[in-house]
Amino acid sequence: MVNKHQTRAARNIAWCERHLRLPSGPKAGQPFKMAPFMREDFRAIYDNPHGTRRAIISRGRKNAKTTECAMILLLHLVGPEAVPEGRLYSASNSQDQAAVVFDLAAAMVRRSPTLNDFVTIRDTIKELACNHAELMTEFKALSSESSTAFGINPALIIHDELGQVRGPKSRLYSALETAAGANNTLSLIISTQAATDADLLSVLIDDAAKGRDPRTVLRFSTADPEADPFKVATIRQANPAYDLFMNREEVRSQAADARAMPSQEAEYRNLILNQRIEVQAPYVSPGVWKLGAREVAEMPGAGHFGGLDLSASNDLTALVEVAHVGEEMHVWPTFWLPSEGLAEKARKDRVPYDLWAREGYLQTTPGRTVDYDWVAPLLLSRLRAGLERLAFDRWNMRFLKPALERAGATEDDLAKLVEFGQGFVSMAPALRTLDTYVLNDRLVHGGHPVLGMCAAHAVVKADPAGNRKLVKLSETKRIDGMVALTMAVATAANPEFALSTLIEVPEDYEIA
């Protein structure tokens, strides 16, 4: 029964709590009970006396932003906000991210005893459709990778994780906003903050904060940049769900890690404190790395593991072998570069490759490219000297495998080589494993200068879900040794880890 004295927001809150169910977790299937800050979001959006054209919700991750979006989506698809033949869209930077809102909304529909009868779920094309004769609304998940033509008259546009857009413009954002035109469209933006003031989300937030357009609603939670970033009071500023349903132990653990390892602080400030900061940061500080420059034990005859990062043409090729020595992880790296043009490359990269080659820290191969026929015999000798498993980046393996076979490798030798995905999905848990050894001063690398250079040049990049991997500080910097080390340590800590990376996803995704 409709309450004529209810506000629009109150009506929508009541509809969500009546018809929607928790899609997952220990309380899956139970009715929603909206958190106070979510109710305030609804009131700001739907009880705005000027009407709301754009709403921006920005706070730390794990504060149910996507859940709130899915609720609003269903309100406009099959609830009291639905308009006949309304077209609804969610827009994201990648196909994987585009599916997130769809998956959550679809899960809510499946759990709801009433919505199931009215909504058709098209999983393969990421669409929802209300088949009620009076509505016939549709929702489609889009990404910047898609080439879909946009329909006219969108009733709702959701821009998911717009903070991932670098620079002040986005083709997908502009296309959808233009399609909305002068129509009575609600444009909803949810995201943690972007990296710089010049990025699209930052421009929109700063403009909204000036209050020039009363039809723009800003729901913004960020931590004071001058406050101690590791105190609970500071964390609460950006996370209204901290005392309600966030995993507080996990958040405190992330804060402790960021305090101990400066390379994680920028990511922590962006994702947890929702601060505008460039996430790309050195993985490990020089001081922390120096702690592992203790004497390395002699390589064991068995029970060690390796990571292999193959070069493209004249770049660095890295083999890093590791083994447990008590509670520590000891490291034995081997590097190759082509001998021809080595001095020139040293000048260009501003790195003493020629000196390291003379001192024995770097091996050279004839010619201007790394000759795999020189690399293969050493790899084969390692495989037969107790190397249990060698995880490799599949890049250029099609050239190394024939070289190994020419060196006499058997099927048993080649069976020890396993592909290791290089995207976020595979590298994130591997990097967490390496974190454990670095943070607890259990990684012993002997101060190897080439590996140290790679460590100094490796920076952390995160995807919208907070998964991390290592990338170069710049195009001229080399991080091959750190990539190989990450694969080796993860494989040594869990010998089945490299195999599991092959079945997680066919190809690890990237973000622009």
Protein backbone atom coordinates (compact mmCIF):
# COMPACT_ATOMS: atom_id res chain seq x y z
CA MET A 1 0.00 0.00 0.00
CA VAL A 2 1.37 3.41 -0.99
CA ASN A 3 1.86 5.95 1.79
CA LYS A 4 0.97 9.34 0.30
CA HIS A 5 3.02 11.10 2.98
CA GLN A 6 6.21 9.14 2.21
CA THR A 7 9.05 10.97 0.53
CA ARG A 8 10.43 9.59 -2.71
CA ALA A 9 13.58 8.40 -0.92
CA ALA A 10 11.60 6.73 1.87
CA ARG A 11 9.49 4.92 -0.73
CA ASN A 12 12.60 3.67 -2.50
CA ILE A 13 14.30 2.57 0.72
CA ALA A 14 11.18 0.66 1.73
CA TRP A 15 10.98 -1.03 -1.70
CA CYS A 16 14.63 -2.16 -1.52
CA GLU A 17 14.28 -3.54 1.99
CA ARG A 18 11.08 -5.34 1.05
CA HIS A 19 12.07 -6.92 -2.27
CA LEU A 20 15.87 -7.28 -2.26
CA ARG A 21 17.91 -9.95 -0.53
CA LEU A 22 21.57 -10.17 0.42
CA PRO A 23 23.19 -11.94 -2.54
CA SER A 24 26.11 -13.65 -0.77
CA GLY A 25 27.91 -14.20 2.50
CA PRO A 26 26.75 -15.88 5.70
CA LYS A 27 23.46 -13.95 5.62
CA ALA A 28 22.73 -14.60 1.94
CA GLY A 29 19.03 -14.61 1.18
CA GLN A 30 18.06 -12.41 4.11
CA PRO A 31 16.33 -9.05 3.45
CA PHE A 32 18.47 -5.93 3.13
CA LYS A 33 18.67 -3.60 6.08
CA MET A 34 20.21 -0.47 4.62
CA ALA A 35 23.03 1.15 6.58
CA PRO A 36 22.40 4.72 7.80
CA PHE A 37 24.89 6.23 5.34
CA MET A 38 23.18 4.40 2.45
CA ARG A 39 19.83 5.83 3.52
CA GLU A 40 21.42 9.28 3.55
CA ASP A 41 22.65 8.67 -0.01
CA PHE A 42 19.11 7.83 -1.10
CA ARG A 43 17.72 10.92 0.60
CA ALA A 44 20.34 13.16 -1.03
CA ILE A 45 19.63 11.70 -4.48
CA TYR A 46 15.86 11.24 -4.45
CA ASP A 47 14.67 14.00 -2.10
CA ASN A 48 16.70 16.75 -3.75
CA PRO A 49 14.16 19.59 -4.23
CA HIS A 50 15.91 20.59 -7.46
CA GLY A 51 15.88 17.05 -8.84
CA THR A 52 19.11 15.13 -9.33
CA ARG A 53 20.84 14.95 -12.69
CA ARG A 54 24.20 13.63 -11.44
CA ALA A 55 25.15 11.87 -8.19
CA ILE A 56 28.75 11.16 -7.24
CA ILE A 57 29.45 8.62 -4.49
CA SER A 58 33.12 8.38 -3.58
CA ARG A 59 34.48 6.66 -0.49
CA GLY A 60 36.97 3.93 0.40
CA ARG A 61 36.61 0.46 -1.08
CA LYS A 62 34.50 -2.21 0.64
CA ASN A 63 31.87 0.35 1.64
CA ALA A 64 29.12 -1.27 -0.48
CA LYS A 65 29.26 1.28 -3.29
CA THR A 66 28.60 -1.41 -5.90
CA THR A 67 25.84 -2.92 -3.78
CA GLU A 68 24.16 0.46 -3.57
CA CYS A 69 24.50 0.84 -7.34
CA ALA A 70 22.87 -2.54 -7.94
CA MET A 71 19.97 -1.54 -5.69
CA ILE A 72 19.50 1.73 -7.58
CA LEU A 73 19.71 -0.15 -10.87
CA LEU A 74 16.88 -2.48 -9.85
CA LEU A 75 14.85 0.47 -8.58
CA HIS A 76 14.98 1.90 -12.10
CA LEU A 77 14.58 -1.45 -13.88
CA VAL A 78 11.61 -2.94 -12.07
CA GLY A 79 10.95 -0.76 -9.03
CA PRO A 80 9.11 2.50 -8.37
CA GLU A 81 11.71 4.53 -10.35
CA ALA A 82 11.17 2.51 -13.55
CA VAL A 83 9.83 4.34 -16.61
CA PRO A 84 8.27 2.52 -19.59
CA GLU A 85 10.88 1.31 -22.09
CA GLY A 86 13.64 2.93 -20.06
CA ARG A 87 17.17 2.03 -21.08
CA LEU A 88 19.73 1.64 -18.31
CA TYR A 89 23.52 1.37 -18.69
CA SER A 90 26.55 0.76 -16.52
CA ALA A 91 29.89 1.90 -17.91
CA SER A 92 33.35 0.76 -16.85
CA ASN A 93 36.92 0.93 -18.05
CA SER A 94 37.20 -2.82 -18.70
CA GLN A 95 34.88 -5.70 -19.51
CA ASP A 96 35.68 -7.36 -16.19
CA GLN A 97 34.72 -4.28 -14.21
CA ALA A 98 31.62 -3.75 -16.37
CA ALA A 99 30.33 -7.14 -15.26
CA VAL A 100 30.56 -6.35 -11.54
CA VAL A 101 27.34 -4.32 -11.20
CA PHE A 102 25.51 -6.71 -13.52
CA ASP A 103 26.62 -9.79 -11.55
CA LEU A 104 25.52 -8.28 -8.25
CA ALA A 105 22.15 -7.10 -9.58
CA ALA A 106 21.55 -10.50 -11.20
CA ALA A 107 22.36 -12.23 -7.90
CA MET A 108 19.84 -9.98 -6.12
CA VAL A 109 17.18 -10.86 -8.68
CA ARG A 110 17.80 -14.59 -8.25
CA ARG A 111 17.52 -14.27 -4.47
CA SER A 112 14.33 -12.19 -4.56
CA PRO A 113 11.06 -14.15 -4.29
CA THR A 114 9.23 -11.44 -6.27
CA LEU A 115 11.69 -10.02 -8.83
CA ASN A 116 12.46 -13.41 -10.36
CA ASP A 117 9.05 -13.40 -12.01
CA PHE A 118 9.59 -10.06 -13.72
CA VAL A 119 13.28 -9.93 -14.70
CA THR A 120 15.05 -11.94 -17.39
CA ILE A 121 18.80 -12.43 -16.85
CA ARG A 122 21.01 -12.70 -19.95
CA ASP A 123 24.36 -13.72 -18.46
CA THR A 124 26.36 -14.10 -21.68
CA ILE A 125 25.68 -10.56 -22.87
CA LYS A 126 25.42 -8.93 -19.42
CA GLU A 127 21.85 -7.70 -19.79
CA LEU A 128 18.74 -7.60 -17.60
CA ALA A 129 15.23 -7.09 -18.96
CA CYS A 130 11.95 -6.44 -17.19
CA ASN A 131 9.25 -8.29 -19.11
CA HIS A 132 6.31 -6.66 -17.34
CA ALA A 133 3.97 -5.40 -20.09
CA GLU A 134 3.76 -1.91 -18.59
CA LEU A 135 7.53 -1.44 -18.31
CA MET A 136 9.68 -3.42 -20.82
CA THR A 137 12.86 -1.83 -19.42
CA GLU A 138 16.37 -3.05 -20.23
CA PHE A 139 19.82 -2.82 -18.66
CA LYS A 140 23.16 -3.34 -20.43
CA ALA A 141 26.69 -3.41 -19.02
CA LEU A 142 29.18 -1.57 -21.25
CA SER A 143 32.93 -1.10 -21.18
CA SER A 144 35.35 1.20 -22.95
CA GLU A 145 36.41 -1.90 -24.93
CA SER A 146 32.94 -2.34 -26.44
CA SER A 147 31.74 -0.89 -29.72
CA THR A 148 28.04 -0.98 -28.87
CA ALA A 149 25.85 1.77 -30.31
CA PHE A 150 24.09 3.54 -27.49
CA GLY A 151 20.32 3.73 -27.44
CA ILE A 152 18.50 6.99 -27.06
CA ASN A 153 16.71 8.19 -23.96
CA PRO A 154 18.69 6.43 -21.19
CA ALA A 155 16.86 6.60 -17.89
CA LEU A 156 19.88 5.68 -15.76
CA ILE A 157 23.63 5.71 -16.40
CA ILE A 158 26.02 4.19 -13.87
CA HIS A 159 29.72 5.07 -14.25
CA ASP A 160 31.54 2.42 -12.23
CA GLU A 161 35.08 3.17 -10.95
CA LEU A 162 35.43 6.31 -13.05
CA GLY A 163 38.57 7.06 -11.05
CA GLN A 164 40.41 4.57 -13.25
CA VAL A 165 40.12 6.99 -16.20
CA ARG A 166 43.37 8.87 -16.67
CA GLY A 167 43.10 12.41 -17.99
CA PRO A 168 40.07 14.68 -18.21
CA LYS A 169 38.21 12.81 -20.97
CA SER A 170 36.62 9.41 -21.58
CA ARG A 171 35.04 8.40 -24.88
CA LEU A 172 32.49 6.13 -23.19
CA TYR A 173 31.60 8.70 -20.53
CA SER A 174 31.13 11.44 -23.12
CA ALA A 175 29.06 9.20 -25.42
CA LEU A 176 26.64 8.21 -22.66
CA GLU A 177 26.32 11.68 -21.21
CA THR A 178 25.66 13.07 -24.69
CA ALA A 179 23.02 10.39 -25.27
CA ALA A 180 21.30 11.53 -22.08
CA GLY A 181 21.05 15.03 -23.53
CA ALA A 182 18.27 17.05 -22.00
CA ASN A 183 16.33 13.97 -20.87
CA ASN A 184 15.46 13.39 -17.24
CA THR A 185 18.36 10.96 -16.78
CA LEU A 186 20.05 10.09 -13.52
CA SER A 187 23.82 9.78 -13.98
CA LEU A 188 25.36 7.91 -11.05
CA ILE A 189 29.13 7.85 -10.52
CA ILE A 190 30.72 5.49 -7.98
CA SER A 191 34.45 5.27 -7.44
CA THR A 192 37.40 5.69 -5.17
CA GLN A 193 39.35 8.82 -6.03
CA ALA A 194 41.48 9.27 -9.13
CA ALA A 195 45.22 9.83 -8.95
CA THR A 196 45.55 13.48 -9.97
CA ASP A 197 43.60 16.73 -10.11
CA ALA A 198 43.58 16.53 -13.92
CA ASP A 199 41.72 13.21 -14.09
CA LEU A 200 38.05 13.14 -15.10
CA LEU A 201 36.64 12.07 -11.72
CA SER A 202 38.68 14.72 -9.90
CA VAL A 203 37.37 17.41 -12.25
CA LEU A 204 33.78 16.27 -11.61
CA ILE A 205 34.24 16.07 -7.82
CA ASP A 206 35.91 19.48 -7.60
CA ASP A 207 33.16 21.04 -9.70
CA ALA A 208 30.44 19.41 -7.60
CA ALA A 209 32.11 20.57 -4.37
CA LYS A 210 31.69 24.19 -5.50
CA GLY A 211 27.91 23.68 -5.44
CA ARG A 212 27.24 25.59 -8.64
CA ASP A 213 24.72 23.05 -9.94
CA PRO A 214 22.02 22.16 -7.39
CA ARG A 215 21.11 19.11 -9.49
CA THR A 216 24.49 17.54 -8.75
CA VAL A 217 24.71 15.55 -5.51
CA LEU A 218 28.12 14.82 -3.99
CA ARG A 219 28.46 12.08 -1.38
CA PHE A 220 32.15 12.23 -0.64
CA SER A 221 34.15 10.61 2.17
CA THR A 222 37.90 11.07 2.31
CA ALA A 223 40.51 11.14 5.05
CA ASP A 224 42.21 14.37 6.06
CA PRO A 225 45.61 14.33 4.29
CA GLU A 226 47.22 15.94 7.36
CA ALA A 227 45.92 13.28 9.78
CA ASP A 228 47.86 10.19 10.82
CA PRO A 229 46.89 7.78 8.02
CA PHE A 230 47.19 4.72 10.24
CA LYS A 231 44.89 5.73 13.06
CA VAL A 232 41.40 4.24 13.22
CA ALA A 233 39.89 7.72 13.50
CA THR A 234 41.44 8.62 10.15
CA ILE A 235 40.26 5.39 8.54
CA ARG A 236 36.71 6.10 9.71
CA GLN A 237 36.68 9.43 7.84
CA ALA A 238 36.72 7.65 4.47
CA ASN A 239 34.85 4.52 5.49
CA PRO A 240 31.36 5.02 6.92
CA ALA A 241 30.94 1.24 6.98
CA TYR A 242 33.99 0.69 9.20
CA ASP A 243 31.99 0.10 12.38
CA LEU A 244 29.10 -1.61 10.57
CA PHE A 245 30.14 -4.38 8.20
CA MET A 246 33.73 -3.84 7.04
CA ASN A 247 36.35 -6.42 7.91
CA ARG A 248 38.13 -4.22 10.44
CA GLU A 249 40.89 -6.74 11.09
CA GLU A 250 41.74 -6.80 7.38
CA VAL A 251 41.76 -2.99 7.18
CA ARG A 252 44.00 -2.69 10.24
CA SER A 253 46.32 -5.29 8.70
CA GLN A 254 46.52 -3.25 5.48
CA ALA A 255 47.35 -0.18 7.55
CA ALA A 256 50.10 -2.05 9.39
CA ASP A 257 51.58 -3.30 6.11
CA ALA A 258 51.50 0.20 4.62
CA ARG A 259 53.26 1.57 7.69
CA ALA A 260 55.95 -1.12 7.48
CA MET A 261 56.43 -0.98 3.70
CA PRO A 262 56.29 2.51 2.17
CA SER A 263 55.61 1.02 -1.28
CA GLN A 264 52.11 0.10 -0.10
CA GLU A 265 51.26 3.45 1.47
CA ALA A 266 50.13 5.21 -1.72
CA GLU A 267 47.81 2.33 -2.63
CA TYR A 268 46.50 2.22 0.95
CA ARG A 269 45.85 5.97 0.95
CA ASN A 270 43.97 5.75 -2.35
CA LEU A 271 41.89 2.61 -1.83
CA ILE A 272 41.28 2.74 1.92
CA LEU A 273 41.53 6.45 2.78
CA ASN A 274 40.08 7.56 -0.59
CA GLN A 275 42.74 10.19 -1.01
CA ARG A 276 43.74 11.67 -4.35
CA ILE A 277 47.19 10.22 -4.77
CA GLU A 278 49.20 8.46 -7.47
CA VAL A 279 49.11 4.76 -6.61
CA GLN A 280 52.23 3.98 -8.64
CA ALA A 281 54.87 3.75 -5.93
CA PRO A 282 58.17 1.87 -5.42
CA TYR A 283 57.50 -1.68 -4.28
CA VAL A 284 60.21 -1.67 -1.66
CA SER A 285 62.21 1.18 -0.16
CA PRO A 286 66.03 1.07 -0.31
CA GLY A 287 66.23 0.70 3.47
CA VAL A 288 63.91 -2.29 3.57
CA TRP A 289 65.65 -3.94 0.60
CA LYS A 290 69.06 -3.44 2.22
CA LEU A 291 67.98 -5.57 5.18
CA GLY A 292 68.14 -8.65 2.95
CA ALA A 293 71.74 -8.05 1.87
CA ARG A 294 73.00 -10.74 4.22
CA GLU A 295 75.15 -13.64 3.09
CA VAL A 296 73.24 -16.15 0.98
CA ALA A 297 73.62 -19.85 1.75
CA GLU A 298 74.95 -22.34 -0.77
CA MET A 299 72.27 -23.43 -3.21
CA PRO A 300 70.81 -26.80 -2.11
CA GLY A 301 71.06 -29.82 -4.36
CA ALA A 302 67.29 -30.25 -4.31
CA GLY A 303 64.16 -28.50 -3.12
CA HIS A 304 64.66 -25.15 -4.78
CA PHE A 305 62.33 -23.31 -7.17
CA GLY A 306 62.73 -20.74 -9.89
CA GLY A 307 61.13 -17.93 -11.85
CA LEU A 308 62.15 -17.07 -15.41
CA ASP A 309 61.41 -13.76 -17.10
CA LEU A 310 62.39 -13.97 -20.77
CA SER A 311 63.57 -10.90 -22.60
CA ALA A 312 62.28 -9.36 -25.79
CA SER A 313 65.20 -8.92 -28.25
CA ASN A 314 67.97 -7.06 -26.39
CA ASP A 315 66.36 -6.68 -22.95
CA LEU A 316 67.36 -8.31 -19.68
CA THR A 317 66.61 -12.01 -19.22
CA ALA A 318 66.33 -13.10 -15.59
CA LEU A 319 66.42 -16.45 -13.83
CA VAL A 320 65.85 -16.25 -10.09
CA GLU A 321 66.11 -19.37 -7.95
CA VAL A 322 64.99 -19.52 -4.33
CA ALA A 323 64.81 -22.01 -1.49
CA HIS A 324 63.80 -22.11 2.14
CA VAL A 325 66.71 -21.98 4.55
CA GLY A 326 65.04 -22.32 7.90
CA GLU A 327 62.44 -19.56 8.14
CA GLU A 328 64.21 -17.48 5.49
CA MET A 329 63.92 -17.48 1.70
CA HIS A 330 67.36 -17.34 0.07
CA VAL A 331 67.80 -16.03 -3.46
CA TRP A 332 70.24 -16.90 -6.30
CA PRO A 333 69.75 -14.72 -9.41
CA THR A 334 71.24 -15.10 -12.90
CA PHE A 335 70.94 -12.40 -15.57
CA TRP A 336 71.74 -12.24 -19.28
CA LEU A 337 72.21 -9.38 -21.76
CA PRO A 338 73.65 -9.42 -25.30
CA SER A 339 77.36 -8.56 -25.39
CA GLU A 340 77.18 -6.37 -28.48
CA GLY A 341 76.27 -2.80 -27.60
CA LEU A 342 76.51 -3.45 -23.83
CA ALA A 343 78.44 -0.24 -23.11
CA GLU A 344 75.98 1.77 -25.20
CA LYS A 345 73.06 0.20 -23.33
CA ALA A 346 74.74 1.01 -20.03
CA ARG A 347 74.97 4.69 -21.03
CA LYS A 348 71.38 4.78 -22.28
CA ASP A 349 69.90 3.13 -19.20
CA ARG A 350 72.40 4.85 -16.86
CA VAL A 351 73.21 1.48 -15.33
CA PRO A 352 76.74 -0.11 -15.15
CA TYR A 353 75.91 -3.27 -17.11
CA ASP A 354 79.47 -3.49 -18.46
CA LEU A 355 80.95 -3.30 -14.94
CA TRP A 356 78.52 -5.92 -13.63
CA ALA A 357 79.45 -8.20 -16.53
CA ARG A 358 83.16 -7.90 -15.65
CA GLU A 359 82.41 -8.59 -11.98
CA GLY A 360 80.36 -11.70 -12.80
CA TYR A 361 76.93 -10.44 -11.79
CA LEU A 362 75.71 -10.41 -15.39
CA GLN A 363 76.24 -12.97 -18.14
CA THR A 364 76.46 -11.93 -21.78
CA THR A 365 75.48 -13.77 -24.94
CA PRO A 366 76.98 -13.18 -28.41
CA GLY A 367 75.31 -10.70 -30.78
CA ARG A 368 72.78 -7.95 -30.26
CA THR A 369 70.00 -10.15 -28.83
CA VAL A 370 69.94 -12.69 -26.02
CA ASP A 371 70.82 -16.02 -27.66
CA TYR A 372 68.62 -18.67 -26.05
CA ASP A 373 71.06 -21.38 -27.16
CA TRP A 374 73.43 -19.91 -24.57
CA VAL A 375 70.73 -19.70 -21.90
CA ALA A 376 69.27 -23.19 -22.44
CA PRO A 377 72.26 -25.30 -21.26
CA LEU A 378 72.41 -23.49 -17.91
CA LEU A 379 68.66 -23.87 -17.43
CA LEU A 380 68.87 -27.56 -18.25
CA SER A 381 71.73 -28.07 -15.79
CA ARG A 382 69.66 -26.37 -13.07
CA LEU A 383 66.61 -28.53 -13.84
CA ARG A 384 68.75 -31.63 -13.47
CA ALA A 385 70.50 -30.35 -10.33
CA GLY A 386 67.41 -30.21 -8.13
CA LEU A 387 65.29 -27.34 -9.50
CA GLU A 388 61.85 -28.69 -8.64
CA ARG A 389 59.74 -26.32 -10.71
CA LEU A 390 60.48 -23.34 -12.94
CA ALA A 391 57.67 -20.80 -13.36
CA PHE A 392 57.93 -18.72 -16.50
CA ASP A 393 56.32 -15.81 -18.27
CA ARG A 394 54.97 -17.35 -21.48
CA TRP A 395 56.39 -14.44 -23.50
CA ASN A 396 59.03 -15.83 -25.92
CA MET A 397 58.83 -19.38 -24.53
CA ARG A 398 58.12 -20.55 -28.08
CA PHE A 399 61.75 -19.66 -28.84
CA LEU A 400 63.29 -21.04 -25.64
CA LYS A 401 61.64 -24.46 -25.78
CA PRO A 402 63.34 -25.43 -29.08
CA ALA A 403 66.65 -24.22 -27.62
CA LEU A 404 66.12 -26.47 -24.58
CA GLU A 405 65.33 -29.41 -26.86
CA ARG A 406 68.49 -28.73 -28.87
CA ALA A 407 70.40 -28.78 -25.58
CA GLY A 408 69.00 -32.26 -24.89
CA ALA A 409 65.98 -31.55 -22.69
CA THR A 410 63.65 -34.52 -22.23
CA GLU A 411 59.92 -34.54 -21.59
CA ASP A 412 60.66 -35.01 -17.88
CA ASP A 413 62.87 -31.91 -17.92
CA LEU A 414 60.26 -29.81 -19.74
CA ALA A 415 57.52 -31.02 -17.36
CA LYS A 416 59.17 -28.96 -14.61
CA LEU A 417 58.41 -25.75 -16.55
CA VAL A 418 55.02 -24.19 -15.81
CA GLU A 419 53.43 -21.07 -17.26
CA PHE A 420 52.72 -18.27 -14.81
CA GLY A 421 50.15 -15.59 -15.70
CA GLN A 422 51.45 -12.02 -15.64
CA GLY A 423 48.17 -10.15 -15.10
CA PHE A 424 46.57 -8.92 -11.88
CA VAL A 425 44.68 -12.13 -11.12
CA SER A 426 47.81 -14.29 -10.98
CA MET A 427 50.40 -11.78 -9.79
CA ALA A 428 48.38 -10.29 -6.90
CA PRO A 429 48.51 -13.39 -4.65
CA ALA A 430 52.12 -14.00 -5.70
CA LEU A 431 53.06 -10.47 -4.66
CA ARG A 432 51.28 -10.94 -1.32
CA THR A 433 53.47 -14.00 -0.73
CA LEU A 434 56.60 -11.98 -1.49
CA ASP A 435 55.30 -9.25 0.86
CA THR A 436 55.34 -11.74 3.72
CA TYR A 437 59.05 -12.43 3.33
CA VAL A 438 60.06 -8.81 2.70
CA LEU A 439 57.98 -7.35 5.54
CA ASN A 440 59.30 -9.86 8.05
CA ASP A 441 62.94 -9.55 6.94
CA ARG A 442 63.01 -13.17 5.79
CA LEU A 443 64.21 -12.55 2.22
CA VAL A 444 67.99 -12.94 1.84
CA HIS A 445 69.38 -11.82 -1.53
CA GLY A 446 73.00 -11.03 -0.67
CA GLY A 447 72.85 -7.52 -2.12
CA HIS A 448 73.06 -8.73 -5.73
CA PRO A 449 73.40 -5.43 -7.65
CA VAL A 450 71.36 -6.39 -10.74
CA LEU A 451 68.49 -7.67 -8.64
CA GLY A 452 68.79 -4.54 -6.49
CA MET A 453 68.46 -2.37 -9.60
CA CYS A 454 65.29 -4.25 -10.58
CA ALA A 455 63.91 -3.76 -7.06
CA ALA A 456 64.59 -0.02 -7.23
CA HIS A 457 62.78 0.27 -10.58
CA ALA A 458 59.71 -1.84 -9.70
CA VAL A 459 56.55 0.06 -8.82
CA VAL A 460 53.14 -1.18 -7.77
CA LYS A 461 50.07 -0.86 -9.96
CA ALA A 462 46.60 -1.75 -8.68
CA ASP A 463 43.36 -2.56 -10.44
CA PRO A 464 39.92 -1.38 -9.18
CA ALA A 465 39.61 -4.44 -6.96
CA GLY A 466 42.91 -3.68 -5.22
CA ASN A 467 44.85 -6.50 -6.91
CA ARG A 468 48.49 -5.53 -7.41
CA LYS A 469 51.30 -6.32 -9.75
CA LEU A 470 54.73 -4.88 -10.50
CA VAL A 471 55.33 -2.53 -13.43
CA LYS A 472 58.29 -0.48 -14.63
CA LEU A 473 59.01 2.93 -13.15
CA SER A 474 59.57 4.03 -16.77
CA GLU A 475 60.18 2.43 -20.16
CA THR A 476 63.97 2.48 -19.78
CA LYS A 477 63.92 0.78 -16.38
CA ARG A 478 64.31 -2.99 -15.92
CA ILE A 479 62.30 -5.03 -13.42
CA ASP A 480 62.74 -8.52 -14.92
CA GLY A 481 64.55 -9.78 -11.84
CA MET A 482 61.72 -8.74 -9.51
CA VAL A 483 59.10 -10.36 -11.74
CA ALA A 484 61.12 -13.58 -11.74
CA LEU A 485 61.62 -13.31 -7.96
CA THR A 486 57.87 -12.88 -7.40
CA MET A 487 57.11 -16.01 -9.43
CA ALA A 488 59.86 -18.00 -7.74
CA VAL A 489 58.90 -17.10 -4.16
CA ALA A 490 55.21 -17.79 -4.77
CA THR A 491 56.04 -21.17 -6.31
CA ALA A 492 58.44 -22.09 -3.49
CA ALA A 493 55.87 -21.14 -0.84
CA ASN A 494 53.23 -23.23 -2.64
CA PRO A 495 54.54 -25.55 -5.38
CA GLU A 496 51.06 -25.85 -6.86
CA PHE A 497 50.64 -22.06 -7.09
CA ALA A 498 52.00 -21.70 -10.62
CA LEU A 499 49.77 -24.51 -11.84
CA SER A 500 46.71 -22.85 -10.30
CA THR A 501 47.36 -19.64 -12.19
CA LEU A 502 46.67 -21.46 -15.43
CA ILE A 503 43.05 -22.22 -14.60
CA GLU A 504 41.93 -19.02 -12.87
CA VAL A 505 41.17 -17.20 -16.12
CA PRO A 506 42.06 -17.86 -19.76
CA GLU A 507 43.94 -14.55 -19.96
CA ASP A 508 44.62 -12.10 -17.20
CA TYR A 509 42.94 -8.80 -17.85
CA GLU A 510 44.53 -5.39 -17.97
CA ILE A 511 43.24 -1.90 -17.27
CA ALA A 512 44.11 1.13 -19.33
